[in-house]
Amino acid sequence: MALYSKSPDGAAEPGTAELFAGHPVLTLETWAKALGGPKALSRAAARARYHLGTGRLHRVARSVYAVVPPGTRARGFQPDPYLVAAALRGDAILSHHAALDLLGAAHSVFHRFTYLTSSPRRVVRLDGTEWVALAHPTALVKARKREFGVTTLDRQGVTLKVTGPERTLVDGFAGLRWVGGLDEHVESAASLRDLDLEQVHRYLRLLNEHVLYGALGWFLERHPEVAHNTTQYLDRFARHVPRQPSYLGRRVRGAKFEKRWNVLVPQHLSRGAGFDAPTAFR
């Protein structure tokens, strides 16, 4: 049975409770589609203004609203950041540190959430949280494989697209800025398990960046526990390492050269040092 509330003109407004329940974060386009009929978008905008006034909605960005739970004040309400990302762009794919978090592997709490989209928009900021839209890797666009290694998960009844663990591992090394740097990515990725290294290999071939072969080989050699068949893939990756020594992350004094992978890493991450370095080195 449909539930009703009052619309801006005082008439009965059918389906609002169901709409809000099914879309904790919604766009005007979604609302207009639910309303149907003539001038649906302008009618949806009028309803949004009304519910903003009552405190039932919280504006996140232009044409994007979060539903405020009953009994909660709109001011200071923090919407689910992953649902916000999905609403900001209909084709959003949660990526990098946001993906690590959704996969249960993130080492630290971030207030920046990245997503991949074919239509990037400006950074959205709200109460200390920001959402950053990233373009798809050029190699995937050219190969028409934007969703390579992407999986889905349910969050509050909403289906989210997120890069899977194998792709997230590689993307992190390709975009260390978006995972908090090399230390953070290594700490997070080390908690992954049962990785499909054949998928990792296919993704590396698609990207065709030699430094990533070096990065993945270096990481897997030190964390073989993340997969069951590491050794055979290390040999494959070793054939494609960069020709020139390449830094992983920022250039730092005293970086150590990892000969097999032709990469340079901070001393506390180098061979023999392990990852349990004193806090002063982090």
Protein backbone atom coordinates (compact mmCIF):
# COMPACT_ATOMS: atom_id res chain seq x y z
CA MET A 1 0.00 0.00 0.00
CA ALA A 2 1.42 3.39 -0.98
CA LEU A 3 2.45 5.79 1.74
CA TYR A 4 1.71 9.49 1.43
CA SER A 5 3.14 12.77 2.62
CA LYS A 6 2.27 16.34 1.74
CA SER A 7 3.71 17.84 -1.43
CA PRO A 8 4.64 21.54 -1.78
CA ASP A 9 1.14 22.43 -2.95
CA GLY A 10 -0.49 20.54 -0.10
CA ALA A 11 -1.73 17.67 -2.25
CA ALA A 12 -1.09 14.04 -1.41
CA GLU A 13 2.33 12.90 -2.62
CA PRO A 14 2.35 9.15 -3.30
CA GLY A 15 5.38 6.92 -2.96
CA THR A 16 7.78 9.32 -1.24
CA ALA A 17 8.44 7.03 1.71
CA GLU A 18 9.18 4.10 -0.62
CA LEU A 19 11.38 6.30 -2.79
CA PHE A 20 13.40 7.48 0.19
CA ALA A 21 13.66 3.95 1.61
CA GLY A 22 14.99 2.57 -1.66
CA HIS A 23 17.35 5.47 -2.37
CA PRO A 24 19.21 6.70 0.73
CA VAL A 25 20.99 9.07 -1.64
CA LEU A 26 19.04 10.08 -4.71
CA THR A 27 19.20 12.38 -7.69
CA LEU A 28 16.53 14.57 -9.22
CA GLU A 29 16.66 12.36 -12.29
CA THR A 30 15.78 9.30 -10.18
CA TRP A 31 12.97 11.21 -8.53
CA ALA A 32 11.61 12.45 -11.85
CA LYS A 33 11.64 8.93 -13.26
CA ALA A 34 9.64 7.73 -10.25
CA LEU A 35 7.10 10.53 -10.65
CA GLY A 36 6.66 10.19 -14.40
CA GLY A 37 4.31 12.34 -16.40
CA PRO A 38 4.73 15.88 -17.76
CA LYS A 39 7.35 18.22 -16.27
CA ALA A 40 8.55 15.44 -13.97
CA LEU A 41 11.97 17.03 -13.43
CA SER A 42 10.58 20.39 -12.33
CA ARG A 43 8.07 18.64 -10.08
CA ALA A 44 10.88 16.61 -8.53
CA ALA A 45 12.86 19.80 -7.95
CA ALA A 46 9.89 21.39 -6.19
CA ARG A 47 9.50 18.36 -3.93
CA ALA A 48 13.21 18.37 -3.16
CA ARG A 49 13.04 22.00 -2.07
CA TYR A 50 10.08 21.20 0.15
CA HIS A 51 11.78 18.27 1.86
CA LEU A 52 14.97 20.27 2.27
CA GLY A 53 12.89 22.79 4.17
CA THR A 54 11.42 20.14 6.44
CA GLY A 55 14.87 18.66 7.19
CA ARG A 56 14.01 15.34 5.56
CA LEU A 57 16.68 15.82 2.89
CA HIS A 58 20.27 17.02 3.04
CA ARG A 59 21.79 18.51 -0.11
CA VAL A 60 25.04 16.83 -1.11
CA ALA A 61 25.67 18.41 -4.51
CA ARG A 62 23.70 19.88 -7.33
CA SER A 63 20.69 17.62 -7.95
CA VAL A 64 21.94 15.07 -5.39
CA TYR A 65 20.28 14.63 -1.98
CA ALA A 66 20.73 12.37 1.02
CA VAL A 67 17.70 11.17 2.95
CA VAL A 68 17.92 12.11 6.62
CA PRO A 69 16.71 9.27 8.87
CA PRO A 70 13.68 10.06 11.06
CA GLY A 71 14.72 11.59 14.36
CA THR A 72 18.05 12.84 12.95
CA ARG A 73 18.85 16.50 12.40
CA ALA A 74 19.76 17.42 8.84
CA ARG A 75 22.49 19.76 10.02
CA GLY A 76 25.64 17.72 10.57
CA PHE A 77 24.11 14.53 9.12
CA GLN A 78 26.77 12.42 7.38
CA PRO A 79 25.38 10.42 4.45
CA ASP A 80 26.95 7.11 3.48
CA PRO A 81 29.95 8.21 1.39
CA TYR A 82 29.82 5.20 -0.94
CA LEU A 83 26.17 5.78 -1.78
CA VAL A 84 27.00 9.42 -2.45
CA ALA A 85 29.69 8.39 -4.94
CA ALA A 86 27.26 6.09 -6.72
CA ALA A 87 24.71 8.90 -6.96
CA LEU A 88 27.15 11.53 -8.20
CA ARG A 89 27.58 9.62 -11.44
CA GLY A 90 25.35 6.81 -12.62
CA ASP A 91 28.33 4.90 -14.02
CA ALA A 92 30.48 5.35 -10.90
CA ILE A 93 32.93 2.58 -10.00
CA LEU A 94 34.38 2.91 -6.49
CA SER A 95 38.16 2.64 -6.73
CA HIS A 96 41.54 2.88 -5.00
CA HIS A 97 41.36 3.41 -1.23
CA ALA A 98 37.55 3.50 -1.32
CA ALA A 99 37.62 0.07 -2.97
CA LEU A 100 40.11 -1.24 -0.42
CA ASP A 101 37.76 -0.09 2.33
CA LEU A 102 34.73 -1.75 0.74
CA LEU A 103 36.78 -4.93 0.30
CA GLY A 104 37.65 -4.85 4.00
CA ALA A 105 41.36 -4.28 3.43
CA ALA A 106 41.94 -0.57 4.10
CA HIS A 107 44.54 0.06 6.79
CA SER A 108 43.47 3.63 7.65
CA VAL A 109 40.28 5.69 7.63
CA PHE A 110 40.08 8.18 4.77
CA HIS A 111 37.68 11.05 4.19
CA ARG A 112 38.36 11.14 0.46
CA PHE A 113 36.47 8.77 -1.80
CA THR A 114 37.45 8.12 -5.40
CA TYR A 115 35.34 6.73 -8.18
CA LEU A 116 35.90 6.09 -11.88
CA THR A 117 33.51 7.55 -14.42
CA SER A 118 33.32 8.34 -18.11
CA SER A 119 32.04 11.83 -17.20
CA PRO A 120 34.30 13.30 -14.50
CA ARG A 121 32.93 16.20 -12.48
CA ARG A 122 34.45 18.67 -10.05
CA VAL A 123 35.46 17.47 -6.62
CA VAL A 124 32.48 17.46 -4.26
CA ARG A 125 33.15 18.51 -0.67
CA LEU A 126 30.79 18.23 2.28
CA ASP A 127 31.56 18.56 5.99
CA GLY A 128 35.19 17.48 5.70
CA THR A 129 34.56 14.68 3.21
CA GLU A 130 35.37 14.86 -0.47
CA TRP A 131 34.51 12.79 -3.53
CA VAL A 132 36.96 12.74 -6.42
CA ALA A 133 35.96 11.62 -9.90
CA LEU A 134 38.72 9.92 -11.88
CA ALA A 135 38.86 9.14 -15.58
CA HIS A 136 39.18 5.52 -16.66
CA PRO A 137 42.71 4.38 -17.58
CA THR A 138 43.36 5.27 -21.20
CA ALA A 139 44.41 1.71 -22.02
CA LEU A 140 41.05 0.36 -20.84
CA VAL A 141 39.13 2.99 -22.78
CA LYS A 142 40.98 2.10 -25.97
CA ALA A 143 40.40 -1.62 -25.38
CA ARG A 144 36.75 -0.97 -24.50
CA LYS A 145 37.25 -2.73 -21.20
CA ARG A 146 36.42 0.00 -18.68
CA GLU A 147 34.86 -2.55 -16.34
CA PHE A 148 37.70 -5.04 -16.40
CA GLY A 149 38.07 -6.53 -12.92
CA VAL A 150 34.97 -4.77 -11.58
CA THR A 151 32.58 -6.47 -9.19
CA THR A 152 29.36 -5.47 -7.43
CA LEU A 153 28.17 -5.45 -3.85
CA ASP A 154 25.03 -4.49 -2.00
CA ARG A 155 24.97 -1.56 0.39
CA GLN A 156 21.69 -0.60 2.03
CA GLY A 157 19.82 -2.16 -0.86
CA VAL A 158 21.80 -0.26 -3.48
CA THR A 159 24.07 -2.12 -5.90
CA LEU A 160 27.51 -0.56 -6.04
CA LYS A 161 30.19 -1.15 -8.64
CA VAL A 162 33.68 -1.48 -7.17
CA THR A 163 37.03 -2.56 -8.53
CA GLY A 164 37.73 -6.09 -7.35
CA PRO A 165 40.77 -7.00 -5.22
CA GLU A 166 43.05 -7.86 -8.16
CA ARG A 167 42.39 -4.66 -10.04
CA THR A 168 42.45 -2.59 -6.85
CA LEU A 169 45.88 -3.96 -6.01
CA VAL A 170 47.27 -2.88 -9.38
CA ASP A 171 45.41 0.44 -9.49
CA GLY A 172 46.86 1.32 -6.10
CA PHE A 173 50.43 1.03 -7.40
CA ALA A 174 49.45 2.91 -10.55
CA GLY A 175 47.87 5.73 -8.53
CA LEU A 176 49.58 5.84 -5.13
CA ARG A 177 48.18 9.33 -4.58
CA TRP A 178 44.70 7.86 -4.31
CA VAL A 179 45.60 5.16 -1.79
CA GLY A 180 47.56 7.31 0.63
CA GLY A 181 51.03 6.51 -0.63
CA LEU A 182 53.20 3.43 -0.85
CA ASP A 183 53.28 2.55 2.86
CA GLU A 184 49.51 2.75 3.21
CA HIS A 185 48.91 0.69 0.08
CA VAL A 186 51.34 -2.03 1.12
CA GLU A 187 49.78 -2.19 4.60
CA SER A 188 46.30 -2.46 3.12
CA ALA A 189 47.04 -4.80 0.22
CA ALA A 190 48.93 -7.20 2.47
CA SER A 191 45.63 -8.17 4.09
CA LEU A 192 44.13 -9.36 0.80
CA ARG A 193 43.85 -13.10 0.28
CA ASP A 194 43.19 -15.64 -2.49
CA LEU A 195 44.05 -13.23 -5.27
CA ASP A 196 43.61 -14.46 -8.83
CA LEU A 197 47.06 -13.74 -10.21
CA GLU A 198 46.00 -14.69 -13.72
CA GLN A 199 43.58 -11.77 -13.62
CA VAL A 200 46.35 -9.55 -12.26
CA HIS A 201 48.54 -10.65 -15.17
CA ARG A 202 45.81 -9.94 -17.73
CA TYR A 203 45.31 -6.49 -16.26
CA LEU A 204 49.02 -5.74 -16.38
CA ARG A 205 49.09 -6.74 -20.04
CA LEU A 206 46.21 -4.37 -20.74
CA LEU A 207 47.89 -1.44 -18.99
CA ASN A 208 51.29 -2.29 -20.48
CA GLU A 209 53.32 -0.26 -17.97
CA HIS A 210 56.63 -1.91 -17.09
CA VAL A 211 56.94 -0.20 -13.73
CA LEU A 212 53.74 -1.92 -12.63
CA TYR A 213 55.27 -5.32 -13.38
CA GLY A 214 58.16 -4.32 -11.16
CA ALA A 215 55.86 -3.05 -8.41
CA LEU A 216 53.64 -6.14 -8.41
CA GLY A 217 56.61 -8.50 -8.54
CA TRP A 218 58.27 -6.70 -5.65
CA PHE A 219 55.07 -6.74 -3.58
CA LEU A 220 54.18 -10.37 -4.27
CA GLU A 221 57.70 -11.58 -3.56
CA ARG A 222 57.37 -10.11 -0.07
CA HIS A 223 53.75 -11.04 0.48
CA PRO A 224 53.26 -14.45 -1.16
CA GLU A 225 50.46 -15.16 1.34
CA VAL A 226 48.02 -13.04 -0.69
CA ALA A 227 47.80 -15.78 -3.34
CA HIS A 228 48.36 -19.52 -3.69
CA ASN A 229 50.57 -19.68 -6.79
CA THR A 230 52.88 -16.71 -6.49
CA THR A 231 56.17 -18.19 -7.71
CA GLN A 232 55.18 -18.90 -11.32
CA TYR A 233 53.83 -15.38 -11.74
CA LEU A 234 56.93 -13.79 -10.28
CA ASP A 235 58.91 -15.35 -13.11
CA ARG A 236 56.46 -13.96 -15.66
CA PHE A 237 56.48 -10.46 -14.17
CA ALA A 238 60.27 -10.42 -14.00
CA ARG A 239 60.44 -10.55 -17.82
CA HIS A 240 58.71 -7.17 -18.11
CA VAL A 241 60.32 -4.99 -15.45
CA PRO A 242 61.26 -1.40 -16.39
CA ARG A 243 64.49 -0.94 -18.32
CA GLN A 244 65.55 1.94 -16.10
CA PRO A 245 65.48 1.87 -12.30
CA SER A 246 62.16 3.36 -11.18
CA TYR A 247 61.05 4.72 -7.82
CA LEU A 248 57.92 3.37 -6.23
CA GLY A 249 56.27 6.36 -4.63
CA ARG A 250 58.18 9.51 -3.71
CA ARG A 251 61.92 9.77 -4.18
CA VAL A 252 63.50 9.53 -0.76
CA ARG A 253 67.06 9.62 0.48
CA GLY A 254 68.56 6.23 1.13
CA ALA A 255 66.10 4.39 -1.12
CA LYS A 256 67.12 0.79 -1.71
CA PHE A 257 67.47 -0.79 -5.13
CA GLU A 258 65.54 -4.03 -5.68
CA LYS A 259 67.61 -5.53 -8.46
CA ARG A 260 65.23 -8.25 -9.68
CA TRP A 261 62.42 -5.73 -10.14
CA ASN A 262 64.52 -2.71 -11.10
CA VAL A 263 62.68 -0.51 -8.61
CA LEU A 264 63.78 1.66 -5.71
CA VAL A 265 61.84 1.62 -2.45
CA PRO A 266 62.18 3.35 0.94
CA GLN A 267 64.77 1.64 3.13
CA HIS A 268 62.23 0.39 5.67
CA LEU A 269 60.38 -1.45 2.89
CA SER A 270 63.46 -2.95 1.32
CA ARG A 271 64.46 -6.58 1.16
CA GLY A 272 65.29 -7.93 4.59
CA ALA A 273 63.79 -4.97 6.43
CA GLY A 274 60.26 -6.35 6.42
CA PHE A 275 57.21 -4.20 6.94
CA ASP A 276 57.30 -3.92 10.70
CA ALA A 277 59.60 -0.91 10.74
CA PRO A 278 59.74 1.46 13.72
CA THR A 279 57.15 4.22 13.68
CA ALA A 280 59.86 6.83 13.12
CA PHE A 281 60.45 5.53 9.61
CA ARG A 282 56.78 5.70 8.58
